[in-house]
Protein backbone atom coordinates (compact mmCIF):
# COMPACT_ATOMS: atom_id res chain seq x y z
CA MET A 1 117.74 99.89 79.94
CA PRO A 2 116.06 97.59 77.37
CA ILE A 3 113.89 94.80 78.85
CA ALA A 4 115.99 92.07 77.26
CA ARG A 5 119.15 93.33 79.00
CA LEU A 6 117.72 93.41 82.52
CA PRO A 7 119.42 90.96 84.95
CA TRP A 8 116.62 88.38 85.28
CA GLU A 9 117.06 85.82 88.11
CA ASN A 10 115.22 82.70 89.25
CA VAL A 11 113.05 83.91 92.12
CA PHE A 12 112.88 80.62 94.02
CA SER A 13 116.64 80.00 94.20
CA LEU A 14 117.25 83.54 95.47
CA ILE A 15 114.31 84.18 97.83
CA ASP A 16 113.31 80.85 99.38
CA PRO A 17 116.66 80.14 101.11
CA GLN A 18 116.38 83.53 102.86
CA ILE A 19 113.03 82.69 104.51
CA ASN A 20 113.46 81.38 108.06
CA ALA A 21 111.30 78.99 110.06
CA GLU A 22 109.03 81.84 111.20
CA GLY A 23 108.35 82.75 107.57
CA VAL A 24 110.39 85.95 107.79
CA HIS A 25 112.41 86.94 104.73
CA THR A 26 115.58 88.95 105.31
CA TRP A 27 117.45 90.91 102.69
CA PRO A 28 121.14 91.91 102.96
CA PHE A 29 120.70 95.63 102.33
CA ASP A 30 123.58 98.06 101.97
CA PRO A 31 123.37 99.80 105.39
CA ALA A 32 124.31 103.15 103.85
CA CYS A 33 121.38 102.99 101.40
CA PRO A 34 118.89 100.24 102.32
CA ILE A 35 117.11 99.77 99.00
CA GLU A 36 117.31 97.05 96.35
CA VAL A 37 115.84 96.30 92.92
CA ARG A 38 115.65 92.72 91.59
CA PHE A 39 114.33 91.22 88.38
CA PHE A 40 112.68 87.82 88.88
CA GLN A 41 111.56 84.97 86.64
CA TYR A 42 108.99 82.40 87.82
CA ASP A 43 108.45 78.78 86.83
CA LYS A 44 105.93 76.06 87.66
CA ARG A 45 108.41 73.79 89.41
CA ASN A 46 108.84 75.83 92.58
CA HIS A 47 106.62 78.00 94.76
CA ILE A 48 107.74 80.66 97.23
CA ARG A 49 106.48 80.07 100.75
CA MET A 50 104.21 82.58 102.45
CA ASN A 51 106.52 85.10 104.11
CA ARG A 52 106.71 88.56 105.60
CA HIS A 53 109.60 91.00 106.05
CA ASP A 54 110.70 94.18 107.81
CA TYR A 55 111.11 96.15 104.59
CA PHE A 56 108.44 97.57 102.27
CA GLU A 57 107.91 96.09 98.82
CA ILE A 58 106.62 97.33 95.48
CA PHE A 59 106.04 94.44 93.07
CA TYR A 60 105.56 95.11 89.34
CA LEU A 61 104.52 92.25 87.03
CA GLN A 62 106.28 92.96 83.75
CA GLN A 63 105.15 89.83 81.87
CA GLY A 64 102.66 86.98 82.29
CA GLU A 65 100.20 86.19 85.09
CA LEU A 66 100.67 85.44 88.78
CA THR A 67 98.40 84.77 91.73
CA CYS A 68 99.07 87.36 94.43
CA ARG A 69 98.19 86.00 97.86
CA ILE A 70 98.28 88.40 100.81
CA GLN A 71 97.15 86.93 104.12
CA ASP A 72 94.03 84.91 103.18
CA HIS A 73 93.12 86.99 100.11
CA SER A 74 94.17 85.96 96.57
CA SER A 75 94.00 88.00 93.38
CA LEU A 76 95.11 87.41 89.82
CA MET A 77 97.84 89.75 88.60
CA ARG A 78 98.37 90.40 84.91
CA SER A 79 101.14 92.09 82.99
CA GLY A 80 101.38 95.75 84.02
CA ASP A 81 99.77 95.26 87.44
CA LEU A 82 101.49 96.39 90.63
CA ALA A 83 101.26 95.28 94.27
CA VAL A 84 102.02 97.44 97.33
CA ILE A 85 103.06 95.25 100.27
CA SER A 86 103.78 96.49 103.79
CA SER A 87 106.07 94.92 106.39
CA ALA A 88 103.51 93.01 108.47
CA GLN A 89 101.58 90.89 105.99
CA TYR A 90 102.34 87.32 104.99
CA HIS A 91 102.26 87.01 101.23
CA THR A 92 103.52 85.13 98.20
CA MET A 93 103.40 85.27 94.41
CA GLN A 94 102.73 82.03 92.53
CA LEU A 95 101.83 80.89 89.05
CA PRO A 96 98.09 80.31 88.58
CA ALA A 97 96.97 76.68 88.71
CA GLN A 98 95.93 77.00 85.08
CA GLY A 99 97.17 79.66 82.73
CA SER A 100 99.83 80.68 80.30
CA THR A 101 102.85 78.45 79.80
CA SER A 102 105.14 81.49 79.52
CA ARG A 103 107.48 82.30 82.39
CA PRO A 104 106.26 85.41 84.25
CA ARG A 105 108.73 88.19 84.95
CA ALA A 106 108.46 90.64 87.80
CA VAL A 107 110.43 93.61 89.07
CA THR A 108 110.60 94.13 92.83
CA LEU A 109 111.64 97.20 94.77
CA TYR A 110 112.60 96.55 98.39
CA PHE A 111 113.41 99.38 100.81
CA MET A 112 113.62 99.96 104.52
CA PRO A 113 111.39 102.80 105.74
CA GLU A 114 114.44 104.31 107.46
CA LEU A 115 115.61 105.43 104.00
CA ILE A 116 112.71 107.92 104.03
CA ARG A 117 112.70 108.56 107.78
CA ALA A 118 116.39 109.36 107.99
CA ALA A 119 116.18 112.98 106.87
CA HIS A 120 113.72 114.43 109.38
CA SER A 121 111.16 113.76 112.09
CA LYS A 122 108.59 116.30 110.95
CA GLY A 123 105.96 113.75 109.98
CA GLU A 124 106.57 113.90 106.23
CA ASP A 125 108.01 110.41 106.50
CA ALA A 126 104.67 109.02 107.63
CA GLU A 127 102.93 110.87 104.80
CA TYR A 128 105.26 109.39 102.18
CA LEU A 129 104.80 105.93 103.68
CA ALA A 130 101.01 106.22 104.12
CA PRO A 131 100.19 103.82 101.23
CA PHE A 132 101.94 101.10 103.26
CA LEU A 133 101.03 102.17 106.80
CA MET A 134 97.29 102.48 106.19
CA GLN A 135 96.97 98.95 104.84
CA GLY A 136 95.17 96.20 106.66
CA ALA A 137 94.69 92.55 105.86
CA SER A 138 91.58 93.33 103.80
CA SER A 139 93.03 96.29 101.90
CA ASP A 140 93.25 96.31 98.13
CA HIS A 141 96.97 95.92 97.57
CA LEU A 142 96.82 95.70 93.79
CA ILE A 143 96.86 98.53 91.25
CA THR A 144 95.32 97.18 88.06
CA ARG A 145 94.24 98.57 84.73
CA ARG A 146 96.40 101.66 85.20
CA PRO A 147 99.30 101.18 82.76
CA ASP A 148 100.02 104.92 82.80
CA LEU A 149 100.65 104.86 86.56
CA THR A 150 102.32 101.46 86.92
CA GLY A 151 104.43 102.05 83.81
CA GLU A 152 105.72 105.32 85.25
CA ILE A 153 106.57 103.58 88.52
CA PHE A 154 108.35 100.82 86.57
CA ASP A 155 110.46 103.44 84.79
CA LEU A 156 111.42 105.04 88.12
CA ILE A 157 112.34 101.64 89.57
CA LYS A 158 114.67 101.07 86.61
CA ARG A 159 116.23 104.48 87.27
CA ILE A 160 116.89 103.45 90.87
CA HIS A 161 118.45 100.22 89.63
CA LEU A 162 120.88 102.16 87.46
CA GLU A 163 122.08 104.11 90.52
CA LEU A 164 122.76 101.00 92.62
CA PRO A 165 124.96 100.35 94.45
CA ALA A 166 124.66 103.95 95.62
CA THR A 167 128.27 104.48 96.67
CA SER A 168 128.34 108.26 96.29
CA ALA A 169 126.35 111.06 97.91
CA ARG A 170 124.97 111.99 94.47
CA ALA A 171 123.78 108.43 93.83
CA ARG A 172 122.12 108.21 97.24
CA LEU A 173 120.36 111.52 96.64
CA ALA A 174 119.15 110.29 93.24
CA VAL A 175 117.86 107.04 94.73
CA LYS A 176 115.93 108.84 97.48
CA THR A 177 114.51 111.32 94.97
CA TYR A 178 113.25 108.59 92.62
CA LEU A 179 111.80 106.65 95.57
CA LYS A 180 109.93 109.71 96.83
CA MET A 181 108.56 110.24 93.30
CA ILE A 182 107.23 106.67 93.37
CA LEU A 183 105.69 107.15 96.81
CA LEU A 184 104.06 110.40 95.74
CA LEU A 185 102.48 108.64 92.74
CA LEU A 186 101.11 105.98 95.09
CA LEU A 187 99.85 108.63 97.50
CA ASN A 188 97.95 110.36 94.73
CA TYR A 189 96.50 107.06 93.53
CA TYR A 190 95.17 106.07 96.95
CA ALA A 191 93.86 109.57 97.62
CA GLU A 192 91.79 109.38 94.42
CA ARG A 193 90.22 106.03 95.25
CA ARG A 194 86.81 106.32 96.86
CA GLY A 195 87.27 103.16 98.93
CA ALA A 196 90.61 104.31 100.32
CA MET A 197 89.72 107.94 100.89
CA GLU A 198 88.30 107.47 104.38
CA ILE A 199 91.36 105.47 105.49
CA PHE A 200 93.68 108.03 103.91
CA ASP A 201 91.91 110.96 105.60
CA ARG A 202 92.03 109.18 108.95
CA GLN A 203 95.75 108.58 108.49
CA GLN A 204 96.32 112.25 107.64
CA ARG A 205 94.41 113.39 110.74
CA ALA A 206 96.51 111.05 112.87
CA ILE A 207 99.70 112.46 111.35
CA GLU A 208 98.56 115.99 112.15
CA GLN A 209 97.77 114.93 115.71
CA LEU A 210 101.39 113.78 116.09
CA ARG A 211 102.89 116.87 114.46
CA PRO A 212 103.74 118.63 117.76
CA LEU A 213 105.65 115.53 118.85
CA PHE A 214 107.63 115.39 115.60
CA ASP A 215 108.58 119.04 116.14
CA TYR A 216 109.56 118.22 119.72
CA LEU A 217 111.75 115.31 118.60
CA GLU A 218 113.57 117.44 116.06
CA ALA A 219 114.44 119.99 118.74
CA ASN A 220 115.12 117.64 121.67
CA TYR A 221 116.33 114.27 120.38
CA GLN A 222 119.69 114.87 122.13
CA GLN A 223 117.87 114.79 125.50
CA PRO A 224 116.33 111.82 127.35
CA ILE A 225 112.81 111.23 126.00
CA SER A 226 110.53 108.63 127.57
CA VAL A 227 107.24 107.25 126.30
CA GLU A 228 105.53 109.11 129.15
CA SER A 229 107.12 112.45 128.23
CA ALA A 230 106.26 111.95 124.56
CA ALA A 231 102.64 111.22 125.48
CA ALA A 232 102.61 114.34 127.66
CA VAL A 233 103.65 116.52 124.70
CA LEU A 234 100.37 115.49 123.03
CA GLY A 235 98.29 115.49 126.19
CA LEU A 236 97.47 111.78 125.78
CA SER A 237 97.55 108.83 128.13
CA LYS A 238 100.49 106.47 127.69
CA SER A 239 98.33 103.62 126.33
CA HIS A 240 96.44 105.86 123.88
CA PHE A 241 99.69 107.41 122.69
CA MET A 242 101.37 104.04 122.11
CA ARG A 243 98.46 102.80 119.98
CA LEU A 244 98.26 106.01 117.99
CA PHE A 245 102.00 106.26 117.33
CA LYS A 246 102.30 102.70 116.07
CA GLN A 247 99.24 103.17 113.87
CA VAL A 248 100.78 106.23 112.21
CA THR A 249 104.43 105.22 111.92
CA GLY A 250 104.26 101.44 111.88
CA GLN A 251 106.71 101.26 114.81
CA PRO A 252 106.59 101.53 118.61
CA PHE A 253 107.80 104.94 119.81
CA VAL A 254 111.06 103.70 121.36
CA VAL A 255 111.99 101.86 118.15
CA TYR A 256 111.17 104.93 116.06
CA LEU A 257 113.23 107.19 118.35
CA ASN A 258 116.25 104.86 118.22
CA HIS A 259 116.03 104.69 114.42
CA PHE A 260 115.79 108.47 114.23
CA ARG A 261 118.79 108.99 116.51
CA ILE A 262 120.87 106.48 114.57
CA ALA A 263 119.94 108.29 111.33
CA LYS A 264 121.14 111.55 112.89
CA SER A 265 124.37 109.83 113.94
CA GLN A 266 124.94 108.63 110.36
CA ALA A 267 124.89 112.23 109.16
CA LEU A 268 127.39 113.28 111.86
CA LEU A 269 129.70 110.35 111.19
CA ALA A 270 129.80 111.15 107.48
CA ALA A 271 130.16 114.93 107.71
CA THR A 272 131.94 115.86 110.96
CA ASP A 273 135.14 115.13 112.87
CA PHE A 274 133.37 114.31 116.14
CA SER A 275 134.69 111.18 117.82
CA ILE A 276 132.43 108.12 117.97
CA SER A 277 131.61 108.76 121.63
CA GLU A 278 130.87 112.44 120.90
CA VAL A 279 128.52 111.45 118.08
CA GLY A 280 126.63 109.11 120.41
CA LEU A 281 126.22 111.86 123.00
CA GLN A 282 125.17 114.41 120.37
CA VAL A 283 122.25 112.24 119.25
CA GLY A 284 121.03 111.30 122.73
CA PHE A 285 122.84 108.08 123.67
CA CYS A 286 124.44 108.60 127.09
CA ASP A 287 125.91 105.10 127.06
CA GLN A 288 128.48 104.63 124.29
CA SER A 289 128.22 100.84 124.41
CA TYR A 290 124.44 101.05 123.91
CA PHE A 291 124.97 103.47 121.03
CA GLY A 292 127.34 100.98 119.41
CA PHE A 293 124.91 98.12 120.06
CA MET A 294 121.95 99.97 118.48
CA PHE A 295 124.07 101.08 115.51
CA ARG A 296 125.24 97.52 114.83
CA ASN A 297 121.75 96.14 115.37
CA LEU A 298 120.20 98.49 112.80
CA LEU A 299 122.99 98.77 110.23
CA ASN A 300 124.96 95.54 110.67
CA MET A 301 128.21 97.47 111.09
CA THR A 302 129.95 99.56 113.72
CA PRO A 303 129.95 103.39 113.67
CA LEU A 304 133.64 103.27 112.76
CA GLN A 305 132.98 100.92 109.83
CA TYR A 306 130.17 103.19 108.65
CA ARG A 307 132.43 106.26 108.82
CA ARG A 308 135.05 104.47 106.73
CA LEU A 309 132.38 103.32 104.28
CA CYS A 310 131.42 106.96 103.76
CA GLY A 311 135.03 107.79 102.88
CA HIS A 312 135.51 110.05 105.89
CA PRO A 313 139.10 110.93 106.88
CA THR A 314 140.36 108.67 109.65
CA ARG A 315 141.45 111.35 112.14
CA ARG A 316 139.67 111.48 115.52
CA LEU A 317 137.64 108.36 114.84
CA GLN A 318 137.58 107.18 118.44
């Protein structure tokens, strides 16, 4: 799609009203495919507040200059630069105090990590998401002076945009494929950087340490699994396990397990004739009301609404 025909929007009018008093920005994702691409224009009249969010963000500056502030660190972004922003860090993008009078334009890719985690629990999800999970407040979030890399990522983001809204199985597969291509490019970039290599290697070792647990989850997610039993699979104390698991995945174990089970239920709801209660039992929720609560909490719709959204026949829905 030519640059001139992209759907540019005023960033302040769209983003700022969605930031609550705690500085948390929420985005109304499509629950069936939680990813979004937006094309923003900036002006000097308004500034976005510092905010954080549950989703991951890739921010590509297509034109102009912006000051990228993440936590207490500020950097100047120029055309062609890219920022990788995780879910825990307060940040904002603003026009420099002095600079070009042109209106900067930026392309943002938002996605929930569950889009990558949904397919498996083998640990590949954490590897794909490592560029986000290994970041700290002092990490270098910007990719600069690499137009070959950032330009390729920009092209893939535009491909994702063309598939949205991803209302078909083919479109959702295309979106996930393009996203994984972007994440692989970022993985390779961070692996090549001398300053990030030690962090990256440490992250990889932690992933390998959790591998037996990921295998265990894949085989036993239908059964009751406590934090204590998960720690026992790895031969770790409960406290050590909880710290390690959150470091690797970005989530507490119970949250990760619930997300994984709900992802498994989505596949069953879309592809089988099991009743809603049977689906809940098949993925490890003994209490149907709790299954419905977790499903609504994560996807903002009921299992029945999700099944209908997927175009599944209506027989044996209850």
